[in-house]
């Protein structure tokens, strides 16, 4: 996309990149994302041991630092890194009229200008 370098990340685009471009997340980012979700559930010790053993949760210092400022900050950092490193590789479903991001990769109507490409 020729305009990719000038594109500004806005909240809906950050969400789209974080949730729909997960193939560009590092292993540590994937573990950190699951860890922060499990931390919100306040797991009891037996369950916590299970998810640690399966690699779904980590108490490693670098993982805890990644999520130390909460989920929103973590999500923004991951999306920004992916956009900077893989911007030209991202398969973004952009509206052909206003060039804003659609809700999902399969969406056929713009959530901003309501342009329809069915």
C-alpha atoms as a PDB file:
ATOM      1  CA  UNK A   1       0.000   0.000   0.000  1.00  0.00           C
ATOM      2  CA  UNK A   2       1.636   3.231  -1.106  1.00  0.00           C
ATOM      3  CA  UNK A   3       0.113   5.338   1.689  1.00  0.00           C
ATOM      4  CA  UNK A   4       1.078   2.902   4.476  1.00  0.00           C
ATOM      5  CA  UNK A   5       3.990   5.053   5.691  1.00  0.00           C
ATOM      6  CA  UNK A   6       1.737   8.055   6.186  1.00  0.00           C
ATOM      7  CA  UNK A   7      -1.093   6.114   7.855  1.00  0.00           C
ATOM      8  CA  UNK A   8      -1.788   7.060  11.461  1.00  0.00           C
ATOM      9  CA  UNK A   9      -2.719   4.420  13.988  1.00  0.00           C
ATOM     10  CA  UNK A  10      -6.128   5.153  15.485  1.00  0.00           C
ATOM     11  CA  UNK A  11      -7.927   2.997  18.097  1.00  0.00           C
ATOM     12  CA  UNK A  12      -9.927   0.884  15.633  1.00  0.00           C
ATOM     13  CA  UNK A  13      -6.816   0.178  13.557  1.00  0.00           C
ATOM     14  CA  UNK A  14      -4.855  -0.766  16.692  1.00  0.00           C
ATOM     15  CA  UNK A  15      -7.620  -3.234  17.628  1.00  0.00           C
ATOM     16  CA  UNK A  16      -7.721  -4.675  14.105  1.00  0.00           C
ATOM     17  CA  UNK A  17      -3.938  -5.198  13.999  1.00  0.00           C
ATOM     18  CA  UNK A  18      -3.821  -6.703  17.493  1.00  0.00           C
ATOM     19  CA  UNK A  19      -6.699  -9.138  16.968  1.00  0.00           C
ATOM     20  CA  UNK A  20      -6.472  -9.929  13.235  1.00  0.00           C
ATOM     21  CA  UNK A  21      -2.717  -9.858  12.558  1.00  0.00           C
ATOM     22  CA  UNK A  22      -1.614 -12.199  15.323  1.00  0.00           C
ATOM     23  CA  UNK A  23       0.704 -14.093  12.992  1.00  0.00           C
ATOM     24  CA  UNK A  24       3.129 -11.175  13.433  1.00  0.00           C
ATOM     25  CA  UNK A  25       3.148 -11.372  17.244  1.00  0.00           C
ATOM     26  CA  UNK A  26       6.298 -12.725  18.872  1.00  0.00           C
ATOM     27  CA  UNK A  27       6.083 -15.791  21.117  1.00  0.00           C
ATOM     28  CA  UNK A  28       6.660 -13.527  24.136  1.00  0.00           C
ATOM     29  CA  UNK A  29       3.797 -11.247  23.050  1.00  0.00           C
ATOM     30  CA  UNK A  30       1.477 -14.239  22.694  1.00  0.00           C
ATOM     31  CA  UNK A  31       2.427 -15.515  26.153  1.00  0.00           C
ATOM     32  CA  UNK A  32       2.102 -12.014  27.643  1.00  0.00           C
ATOM     33  CA  UNK A  33      -1.359 -11.614  26.116  1.00  0.00           C
ATOM     34  CA  UNK A  34      -2.554 -14.888  27.597  1.00  0.00           C
ATOM     35  CA  UNK A  35      -0.861 -14.093  30.915  1.00  0.00           C
ATOM     36  CA  UNK A  36      -2.648 -10.786  31.305  1.00  0.00           C
ATOM     37  CA  UNK A  37      -5.993 -12.452  30.558  1.00  0.00           C
ATOM     38  CA  UNK A  38      -5.350 -15.192  33.124  1.00  0.00           C
ATOM     39  CA  UNK A  39      -4.258 -12.599  35.693  1.00  0.00           C
ATOM     40  CA  UNK A  40      -7.619 -10.875  35.302  1.00  0.00           C
ATOM     41  CA  UNK A  41      -9.320 -14.164  36.199  1.00  0.00           C
ATOM     42  CA  UNK A  42      -7.508 -14.447  39.566  1.00  0.00           C
ATOM     43  CA  UNK A  43      -6.708 -18.134  39.102  1.00  0.00           C
ATOM     44  CA  UNK A  44      -6.443 -20.374  42.135  1.00  0.00           C
ATOM     45  CA  UNK A  45      -3.015 -21.907  42.684  1.00  0.00           C
ATOM     46  CA  UNK A  46      -3.755 -25.410  41.239  1.00  0.00           C
ATOM     47  CA  UNK A  47      -5.132 -23.927  38.004  1.00  0.00           C
ATOM     48  CA  UNK A  48      -2.280 -21.422  37.836  1.00  0.00           C
ATOM     49  CA  UNK A  49       0.253 -24.272  37.997  1.00  0.00           C
ATOM     50  CA  UNK A  50      -1.549 -25.995  35.100  1.00  0.00           C
ATOM     51  CA  UNK A  51      -1.542 -22.945  32.819  1.00  0.00           C
ATOM     52  CA  UNK A  52       2.127 -22.254  33.676  1.00  0.00           C
ATOM     53  CA  UNK A  53       3.027 -25.868  32.830  1.00  0.00           C
ATOM     54  CA  UNK A  54       1.194 -25.580  29.493  1.00  0.00           C
ATOM     55  CA  UNK A  55       3.047 -22.342  28.677  1.00  0.00           C
ATOM     56  CA  UNK A  56      -0.103 -20.213  28.703  1.00  0.00           C
ATOM     57  CA  UNK A  57       1.035 -18.077  31.635  1.00  0.00           C
ATOM     58  CA  UNK A  58       4.425 -16.771  32.631  1.00  0.00           C
ATOM     59  CA  UNK A  59       5.810 -15.174  35.742  1.00  0.00           C
ATOM     60  CA  UNK A  60       9.058 -14.347  33.912  1.00  0.00           C
ATOM     61  CA  UNK A  61      10.235 -10.812  34.627  1.00  0.00           C
ATOM     62  CA  UNK A  62      10.346  -9.722  30.971  1.00  0.00           C
ATOM     63  CA  UNK A  63       6.775 -10.954  30.399  1.00  0.00           C
ATOM     64  CA  UNK A  64       5.539  -9.204  33.532  1.00  0.00           C
ATOM     65  CA  UNK A  65       7.249  -5.990  32.363  1.00  0.00           C
ATOM     66  CA  UNK A  66       5.452  -6.217  29.014  1.00  0.00           C
ATOM     67  CA  UNK A  67       2.067  -6.241  30.750  1.00  0.00           C
ATOM     68  CA  UNK A  68       2.953  -4.069  33.726  1.00  0.00           C
ATOM     69  CA  UNK A  69       0.950  -1.057  32.504  1.00  0.00           C
ATOM     70  CA  UNK A  70      -2.200  -3.047  31.760  1.00  0.00           C
ATOM     71  CA  UNK A  71      -3.873  -4.590  28.750  1.00  0.00           C
ATOM     72  CA  UNK A  72      -4.570  -1.408  26.748  1.00  0.00           C
ATOM     73  CA  UNK A  73      -0.933  -0.299  26.907  1.00  0.00           C
ATOM     74  CA  UNK A  74       0.238  -3.802  26.008  1.00  0.00           C
ATOM     75  CA  UNK A  75      -2.181  -3.973  23.055  1.00  0.00           C
ATOM     76  CA  UNK A  76      -1.021  -0.563  21.777  1.00  0.00           C
ATOM     77  CA  UNK A  77       2.664  -1.490  22.049  1.00  0.00           C
ATOM     78  CA  UNK A  78       2.147  -4.768  20.171  1.00  0.00           C
ATOM     79  CA  UNK A  79       0.084  -3.149  17.405  1.00  0.00           C
ATOM     80  CA  UNK A  80       2.578  -0.302  16.963  1.00  0.00           C
ATOM     81  CA  UNK A  81       5.495  -2.751  16.745  1.00  0.00           C
ATOM     82  CA  UNK A  82       3.670  -4.916  14.212  1.00  0.00           C
ATOM     83  CA  UNK A  83       2.720  -1.863  12.144  1.00  0.00           C
ATOM     84  CA  UNK A  84       6.297  -0.520  12.146  1.00  0.00           C
ATOM     85  CA  UNK A  85       7.933  -3.852  11.344  1.00  0.00           C
ATOM     86  CA  UNK A  86       5.327  -5.396   9.030  1.00  0.00           C
ATOM     87  CA  UNK A  87       3.209  -2.486   7.770  1.00  0.00           C
ATOM     88  CA  UNK A  88       3.642  -3.396   4.124  1.00  0.00           C
ATOM     89  CA  UNK A  89       2.823  -7.056   4.790  1.00  0.00           C
ATOM     90  CA  UNK A  90      -0.434  -6.453   6.643  1.00  0.00           C
ATOM     91  CA  UNK A  91      -3.606  -7.495   4.868  1.00  0.00           C
ATOM     92  CA  UNK A  92      -5.782  -4.614   6.040  1.00  0.00           C
ATOM     93  CA  UNK A  93      -9.423  -4.502   5.005  1.00  0.00           C
ATOM     94  CA  UNK A  94      -9.639  -0.783   4.246  1.00  0.00           C
ATOM     95  CA  UNK A  95     -12.647   1.057   2.872  1.00  0.00           C
ATOM     96  CA  UNK A  96     -12.069   2.081  -0.755  1.00  0.00           C
ATOM     97  CA  UNK A  97     -13.847   5.375  -0.119  1.00  0.00           C
ATOM     98  CA  UNK A  98     -12.428   6.770   3.164  1.00  0.00           C
ATOM     99  CA  UNK A  99      -9.484   4.316   3.616  1.00  0.00           C
ATOM    100  CA  UNK A 100     -10.411   3.549   7.232  1.00  0.00           C
ATOM    101  CA  UNK A 101     -10.284   0.021   8.632  1.00  0.00           C
ATOM    102  CA  UNK A 102     -13.296  -2.294   8.517  1.00  0.00           C
ATOM    103  CA  UNK A 103     -14.344  -4.178  11.649  1.00  0.00           C
ATOM    104  CA  UNK A 104     -13.035  -7.561  10.472  1.00  0.00           C
ATOM    105  CA  UNK A 105     -11.085  -8.987   7.528  1.00  0.00           C
ATOM    106  CA  UNK A 106     -14.401 -10.263   6.081  1.00  0.00           C
ATOM    107  CA  UNK A 107     -16.445  -7.066   6.542  1.00  0.00           C
ATOM    108  CA  UNK A 108     -17.942  -5.478   3.436  1.00  0.00           C
ATOM    109  CA  UNK A 109     -19.219  -2.200   4.874  1.00  0.00           C
ATOM    110  CA  UNK A 110     -17.280   0.686   6.385  1.00  0.00           C
ATOM    111  CA  UNK A 111     -18.050   1.477  10.004  1.00  0.00           C
ATOM    112  CA  UNK A 112     -17.030   5.108   9.477  1.00  0.00           C
ATOM    113  CA  UNK A 113     -18.572   6.279   6.195  1.00  0.00           C
ATOM    114  CA  UNK A 114     -20.934   3.294   5.706  1.00  0.00           C
ATOM    115  CA  UNK A 115     -19.654   2.685   2.166  1.00  0.00           C
ATOM    116  CA  UNK A 116     -20.714  -0.767   1.021  1.00  0.00           C
ATOM    117  CA  UNK A 117     -18.630  -3.090  -1.211  1.00  0.00           C
ATOM    118  CA  UNK A 118     -20.853  -6.198  -1.219  1.00  0.00           C
END
